[in-house]
Amino acid sequence: MSRRVLITGVTGQDGGYLAEQLLAGGDEVLGTIRPGRDGDEALASAGLGHLRGRLELLPLDLLDPASVRAAIAAAQPDELYHLAAPTFVPDSWDDPTEVVSAVAGGTAAVLAAASAQERPVRVLVASSSEVFGDAGVSPQSERAPMRPRSPYGVAKLAAHGLVGALRARHDRFLVSAITFNHESPRRPERFLPRKVTAGVAAIAAGRAETLTLGDLAAVRDWSHARDVVAGMVLALRHEEPSDWVFASGMPHTVGDLVDTAFAAAGVGRHAPDGSDRVKVDPRFVRPPERWPPVGDPARARELLGWQPRTGFEQLVGEMVAADLRLLEAA
């Protein structure tokens, strides 16, 4: 059955992969971009130029409820994936007010606009592992305590709580997708995994000699964005609305990421003189996290049949290969 689907933030990493999957499945896809932005340019800059003409783009400003209402009313979707939001956690400390407004306020506006449509709209809201913070347990399932440690995490928790409250009170089909770290070649370089793969590719290509990072012992749970958005579709099309954790369940350190990237690039981490090509900046080394952000996706595996298809080494290898191609084309 073909569905009419609206994706907010379609030009983001997750939105692009989601649009590709839905279009491949025969769905009619619409996406949102910021008002005043050229649609073709937005798609091209996101690496989605091949989707030009295959999806309709609508303007949407998360900080303007009227803009949100207009976009959703124009789309008339059967399904709505709300992915648009700031995603770089450190930025949330610079302007907590804007982050809370965009994430929590924007989600409230989206949910209100969806509820005002004549026909029922299934809505998925992208949550984040940042809601857990000092959870007191690791790995973290849907039932783990949520004690966020950043303004971004607080904003995501507010949005997450709103989804649950409205779902319970009004019996609406609202889903919260709690996603742990997920990456791809489309991830901007300000995010650590892409910084690593781009930096290692530059070393392999002779464009750089060293890569400067922070804490190599920090632990994360990395998946491929392509797998995570596939889980989102399964969640929104499940028979019952709920909250779902999407993660690999496998912890890896930043050091693991670095070593895997060097192996994928076919170059040693140590230079011929024996020096380490990776330099650690002590300013960015923090005390070990007592409860590292590692997800427990058992419930999604059991009830949705969801399973990540891309392993850690394959993910890193794909990213390194893509960065090497970018350097060759430059």
Protein backbone atom coordinates (compact mmCIF):
# COMPACT_ATOMS: atom_id res chain seq x y z
CA MET A 1 0.00 0.00 0.00
CA SER A 2 1.42 3.36 -1.04
CA ARG A 3 1.42 6.04 1.64
CA ARG A 4 1.73 9.81 1.54
CA VAL A 5 4.64 10.62 3.86
CA LEU A 6 6.00 13.92 5.18
CA ILE A 7 9.58 14.11 6.48
CA THR A 8 10.62 17.22 8.38
CA GLY A 9 14.34 17.80 7.94
CA VAL A 10 14.51 15.73 4.76
CA THR A 11 17.92 17.14 3.81
CA GLY A 12 19.54 15.96 7.04
CA GLN A 13 21.48 12.71 7.28
CA ASP A 14 18.52 10.68 8.52
CA GLY A 15 15.94 12.43 6.36
CA GLY A 16 17.83 11.66 3.17
CA TYR A 17 18.21 7.96 3.88
CA LEU A 18 14.58 7.76 4.98
CA ALA A 19 13.37 9.46 1.80
CA GLU A 20 15.38 7.05 -0.34
CA GLN A 21 13.95 4.02 1.46
CA LEU A 22 10.36 5.23 1.28
CA LEU A 23 10.59 6.17 -2.39
CA ALA A 24 12.11 2.77 -3.17
CA GLY A 25 9.09 1.21 -1.46
CA GLY A 26 6.64 3.11 -3.64
CA ASP A 27 5.54 5.77 -1.17
CA GLU A 28 4.82 9.38 -2.09
CA VAL A 29 7.32 11.50 -0.17
CA LEU A 30 7.25 15.16 0.77
CA GLY A 31 9.94 16.93 2.75
CA THR A 32 10.47 20.23 4.51
CA ILE A 33 13.25 22.78 4.15
CA ARG A 34 13.80 26.14 5.79
CA PRO A 35 11.77 29.02 4.30
CA GLY A 36 13.58 30.96 1.60
CA ARG A 37 15.96 28.15 0.71
CA ASP A 38 16.15 26.91 -2.87
CA GLY A 39 14.93 23.32 -3.03
CA ASP A 40 17.32 22.09 -5.72
CA GLU A 41 20.28 23.66 -3.93
CA ALA A 42 19.19 22.15 -0.62
CA LEU A 43 19.00 18.67 -2.11
CA ALA A 44 22.30 19.03 -3.95
CA SER A 45 24.20 20.25 -0.88
CA ALA A 46 22.85 17.28 1.10
CA GLY A 47 24.03 14.81 -1.53
CA LEU A 48 20.44 14.17 -2.59
CA GLY A 49 20.49 15.69 -6.06
CA HIS A 50 19.35 12.34 -7.45
CA LEU A 51 16.02 12.86 -5.67
CA ARG A 52 15.27 16.11 -7.50
CA GLY A 53 11.80 15.85 -9.03
CA ARG A 54 10.94 12.76 -7.00
CA LEU A 55 9.78 14.49 -3.84
CA GLU A 56 7.90 17.70 -3.11
CA LEU A 57 9.54 20.25 -0.81
CA LEU A 58 7.61 22.51 1.55
CA PRO A 59 8.88 25.45 3.65
CA LEU A 60 8.78 24.95 7.42
CA ASP A 61 10.11 27.03 10.31
CA LEU A 62 10.03 25.07 13.57
CA LEU A 63 10.00 28.30 15.58
CA ASP A 64 6.81 29.49 13.83
CA PRO A 65 3.71 27.39 14.67
CA ALA A 66 1.81 28.96 11.77
CA SER A 67 4.51 27.76 9.37
CA VAL A 68 4.31 24.26 10.87
CA ARG A 69 0.52 24.19 10.52
CA ALA A 70 0.70 25.37 6.91
CA ALA A 71 3.27 22.74 5.90
CA ILE A 72 1.37 19.84 7.45
CA ALA A 73 -1.97 21.05 6.10
CA ALA A 74 -0.47 21.29 2.62
CA ALA A 75 1.11 17.85 2.85
CA GLN A 76 -1.98 15.99 4.11
CA PRO A 77 0.21 13.03 5.11
CA ASP A 78 -0.71 9.54 6.23
CA GLU A 79 2.61 9.39 8.08
CA LEU A 80 4.84 12.10 9.47
CA TYR A 81 8.48 11.60 10.49
CA HIS A 82 9.61 14.58 12.55
CA LEU A 83 13.38 14.64 12.19
CA ALA A 84 14.07 18.37 11.86
CA ALA A 85 15.96 19.77 14.84
CA PRO A 86 19.44 20.88 15.93
CA THR A 87 21.62 17.79 16.30
CA PHE A 88 25.08 18.95 17.42
CA VAL A 89 25.00 18.60 21.21
CA PRO A 90 27.85 21.04 22.09
CA ASP A 91 25.99 23.88 20.37
CA SER A 92 23.14 23.53 22.86
CA TRP A 93 25.31 25.10 25.57
CA ASP A 94 25.73 28.26 23.49
CA ASP A 95 22.00 29.00 23.21
CA PRO A 96 19.85 26.71 25.38
CA THR A 97 16.75 28.84 24.76
CA GLU A 98 16.84 28.36 21.00
CA VAL A 99 17.54 24.63 21.31
CA VAL A 100 14.65 24.07 23.71
CA SER A 101 12.36 26.17 21.50
CA ALA A 102 13.31 24.32 18.32
CA VAL A 103 13.31 20.81 19.79
CA ALA A 104 10.56 20.87 22.41
CA GLY A 105 8.51 23.77 21.06
CA GLY A 106 8.88 22.57 17.48
CA THR A 107 7.74 19.08 18.43
CA ALA A 108 4.73 20.51 20.25
CA ALA A 109 3.81 22.51 17.15
CA VAL A 110 4.18 19.47 14.89
CA LEU A 111 2.05 17.27 17.13
CA ALA A 112 -0.65 19.95 17.43
CA ALA A 113 -0.75 20.51 13.68
CA ALA A 114 -0.93 16.77 13.00
CA SER A 115 -3.83 16.35 15.42
CA ALA A 116 -5.75 19.11 13.63
CA GLN A 117 -5.87 17.19 10.34
CA GLU A 118 -9.18 15.68 9.28
CA ARG A 119 -7.77 12.18 8.92
CA PRO A 120 -5.53 10.45 11.47
CA VAL A 121 -1.81 10.97 10.98
CA ARG A 122 0.75 8.56 12.39
CA VAL A 123 3.66 10.56 13.79
CA LEU A 124 7.20 9.50 14.69
CA VAL A 125 9.41 11.92 16.62
CA ALA A 126 13.17 11.41 16.63
CA SER A 127 14.37 11.28 20.23
CA SER A 128 17.98 10.73 21.30
CA SER A 129 20.15 8.73 23.67
CA GLU A 130 21.01 12.12 25.19
CA VAL A 131 17.78 11.80 27.21
CA PHE A 132 19.47 9.16 29.39
CA GLY A 133 22.52 11.09 30.58
CA ASP A 134 23.37 9.81 34.06
CA ALA A 135 20.95 6.92 33.73
CA GLY A 136 22.50 4.79 36.45
CA VAL A 137 22.57 1.82 34.09
CA SER A 138 24.26 0.80 30.85
CA PRO A 139 23.22 -0.44 28.35
CA GLN A 140 20.01 1.58 28.28
CA SER A 141 16.61 0.28 27.22
CA GLU A 142 13.33 2.14 26.84
CA ARG A 143 12.78 1.75 30.60
CA ALA A 144 16.12 3.17 31.74
CA PRO A 145 16.00 6.30 33.93
CA MET A 146 16.28 9.54 31.97
CA ARG A 147 18.58 12.15 33.55
CA PRO A 148 19.97 14.32 30.73
CA ARG A 149 23.19 16.28 31.21
CA SER A 150 22.97 18.85 28.40
CA PRO A 151 20.41 21.43 27.23
CA TYR A 152 20.01 19.32 24.11
CA GLY A 153 19.19 16.25 26.20
CA VAL A 154 16.74 18.25 28.32
CA ALA A 155 14.99 19.52 25.19
CA LYS A 156 14.80 16.02 23.73
CA LEU A 157 13.41 14.69 27.00
CA ALA A 158 10.67 17.33 26.95
CA ALA A 159 9.73 16.33 23.40
CA HIS A 160 9.90 12.65 24.32
CA GLY A 161 7.65 13.20 27.32
CA LEU A 162 5.16 15.15 25.25
CA VAL A 163 4.85 12.27 22.78
CA GLY A 164 4.09 9.85 25.59
CA ALA A 165 1.63 12.17 27.33
CA LEU A 166 -0.40 12.93 24.20
CA ARG A 167 -0.36 9.29 23.15
CA ALA A 168 -1.77 8.20 26.49
CA ARG A 169 -4.34 10.96 26.88
CA HIS A 170 -5.73 11.09 23.35
CA ASP A 171 -5.04 7.54 22.13
CA ARG A 172 -3.06 8.85 19.15
CA PHE A 173 -0.54 6.87 17.12
CA LEU A 174 2.60 8.67 18.27
CA VAL A 175 6.02 7.02 18.29
CA SER A 176 9.28 8.09 19.89
CA ALA A 177 12.46 6.71 18.29
CA ILE A 178 15.30 6.85 20.83
CA THR A 179 18.32 6.75 18.57
CA PHE A 180 21.87 6.19 19.74
CA ASN A 181 24.84 7.47 17.74
CA HIS A 182 24.35 6.70 14.07
CA GLU A 183 26.65 7.78 11.29
CA SER A 184 27.25 7.67 7.55
CA PRO A 185 29.33 9.35 4.84
CA ARG A 186 26.67 12.09 4.87
CA ARG A 187 27.47 13.10 8.44
CA PRO A 188 29.06 16.59 8.67
CA GLU A 189 32.72 16.68 9.68
CA ARG A 190 32.01 18.51 12.95
CA PHE A 191 30.72 15.17 14.29
CA LEU A 192 33.49 13.00 15.74
CA PRO A 193 33.19 9.84 13.58
CA ARG A 194 33.27 11.85 10.36
CA LYS A 195 36.12 13.98 11.70
CA VAL A 196 38.04 10.75 12.25
CA THR A 197 37.33 9.17 8.86
CA ALA A 198 37.99 12.41 6.97
CA GLY A 199 41.19 12.98 8.93
CA VAL A 200 42.47 9.46 8.36
CA ALA A 201 41.60 9.69 4.66
CA ALA A 202 43.59 12.91 4.44
CA ILE A 203 46.60 11.20 6.03
CA ALA A 204 46.28 8.24 3.66
CA ALA A 205 46.12 10.60 0.68
CA GLY A 206 49.17 12.54 1.81
CA ARG A 207 47.12 15.66 2.53
CA ALA A 208 47.80 15.66 6.29
CA GLU A 209 50.35 14.22 8.70
CA THR A 210 48.42 14.04 11.97
CA LEU A 211 44.90 13.96 13.40
CA THR A 212 44.14 15.74 16.68
CA LEU A 213 41.39 14.32 18.88
CA GLY A 214 40.21 14.30 22.48
CA ASP A 215 39.48 11.33 24.69
CA LEU A 216 40.31 8.07 22.90
CA ALA A 217 38.86 6.02 25.76
CA ALA A 218 35.34 7.46 25.46
CA VAL A 219 32.75 4.77 24.70
CA ARG A 220 29.91 5.08 22.20
CA ASP A 221 27.38 2.85 20.44
CA TRP A 222 27.63 3.51 16.70
CA SER A 223 25.23 2.27 14.01
CA HIS A 224 24.64 3.17 10.37
CA ALA A 225 21.98 5.85 9.82
CA ARG A 226 20.52 3.71 7.03
CA ASP A 227 19.72 0.96 9.54
CA VAL A 228 18.29 3.35 12.12
CA VAL A 229 15.80 4.94 9.71
CA ALA A 230 14.72 1.47 8.59
CA GLY A 231 13.83 0.86 12.22
CA MET A 232 11.83 4.08 12.29
CA VAL A 233 9.66 2.84 9.44
CA LEU A 234 9.04 -0.47 11.19
CA ALA A 235 8.11 1.39 14.37
CA LEU A 236 5.62 3.73 12.71
CA ARG A 237 4.02 0.85 10.82
CA HIS A 238 3.82 -1.46 13.82
CA GLU A 239 0.39 -2.41 15.12
CA GLU A 240 0.83 -0.42 18.35
CA PRO A 241 2.48 2.97 19.00
CA SER A 242 5.33 2.95 21.50
CA ASP A 243 8.85 4.13 22.34
CA TRP A 244 11.74 2.26 20.76
CA VAL A 245 15.51 2.17 21.25
CA PHE A 246 17.54 1.87 18.05
CA ALA A 247 21.19 1.01 18.65
CA SER A 248 23.75 -1.65 17.83
CA GLY A 249 24.11 -2.64 21.48
CA MET A 250 27.87 -2.89 20.90
CA PRO A 251 30.22 -0.52 22.76
CA HIS A 252 33.31 0.82 20.99
CA THR A 253 35.87 3.36 22.11
CA VAL A 254 37.03 6.33 20.08
CA GLY A 255 40.35 4.50 19.90
CA ASP A 256 38.58 1.56 18.27
CA LEU A 257 37.10 3.96 15.74
CA VAL A 258 40.51 5.45 14.99
CA ASP A 259 42.24 2.08 14.57
CA THR A 260 39.43 0.75 12.37
CA ALA A 261 39.62 3.85 10.17
CA PHE A 262 43.38 3.51 9.68
CA ALA A 263 42.96 -0.16 8.81
CA ALA A 264 40.22 0.68 6.30
CA ALA A 265 42.44 3.33 4.70
CA GLY A 266 45.30 0.86 4.38
CA VAL A 267 47.75 3.01 6.30
CA GLY A 268 49.38 2.52 9.68
CA ARG A 269 48.48 4.68 12.63
CA HIS A 270 52.18 5.11 13.31
CA ALA A 271 54.45 7.00 10.92
CA PRO A 272 57.68 5.42 9.59
CA ASP A 273 59.60 7.11 12.41
CA GLY A 274 57.34 5.39 14.95
CA SER A 275 55.44 8.51 15.99
CA ASP A 276 51.69 8.28 16.55
CA ARG A 277 49.79 10.09 13.83
CA VAL A 278 46.96 10.69 16.31
CA LYS A 279 47.59 13.53 18.75
CA VAL A 280 45.49 13.88 21.90
CA ASP A 281 44.50 17.37 23.00
CA PRO A 282 44.25 17.17 26.82
CA ARG A 283 41.70 20.00 26.84
CA PHE A 284 39.12 17.59 25.47
CA VAL A 285 39.91 14.61 27.71
CA ARG A 286 37.17 14.14 30.31
CA PRO A 287 36.76 11.77 33.26
CA PRO A 288 35.44 8.33 32.24
CA GLU A 289 31.66 8.12 31.98
CA ARG A 290 30.24 5.85 34.63
CA TRP A 291 27.25 4.97 32.46
CA PRO A 292 28.40 5.10 28.82
CA PRO A 293 25.71 5.66 26.17
CA VAL A 294 25.19 2.13 24.89
CA GLY A 295 21.73 1.06 23.80
CA ASP A 296 19.73 -2.09 24.47
CA PRO A 297 17.68 -2.71 21.30
CA ALA A 298 16.27 -6.07 22.46
CA ARG A 299 12.68 -4.88 22.34
CA ALA A 300 12.98 -3.60 18.76
CA ARG A 301 14.63 -6.86 17.74
CA GLU A 302 11.91 -8.96 19.33
CA LEU A 303 8.77 -7.02 18.42
CA LEU A 304 9.76 -5.22 15.21
CA GLY A 305 12.15 -7.79 13.80
CA TRP A 306 14.69 -5.00 13.48
CA GLN A 307 18.37 -5.77 13.24
CA PRO A 308 21.26 -3.53 12.12
CA ARG A 309 22.60 -4.81 8.82
CA THR A 310 25.84 -2.83 8.84
CA GLY A 311 28.52 -3.74 11.35
CA PHE A 312 30.95 -1.32 12.95
CA GLU A 313 33.89 -2.17 10.68
CA GLN A 314 31.71 -1.97 7.57
CA LEU A 315 30.32 1.40 8.64
CA VAL A 316 33.75 2.89 9.24
CA GLY A 317 35.07 1.38 6.01
CA GLU A 318 32.22 2.90 4.02
CA MET A 319 32.90 6.32 5.53
CA VAL A 320 36.65 6.16 4.90
CA ALA A 321 36.11 5.05 1.30
CA ALA A 322 33.71 7.93 0.72
CA ASP A 323 36.16 10.44 2.18
CA LEU A 324 38.96 9.09 0.00
CA ARG A 325 36.75 9.53 -3.07
CA LEU A 326 36.03 13.12 -2.07
CA LEU A 327 39.76 13.83 -1.84
CA GLU A 328 40.41 12.23 -5.21
CA ALA A 329 37.70 14.36 -6.80
CA ALA A 330 38.95 17.60 -5.22
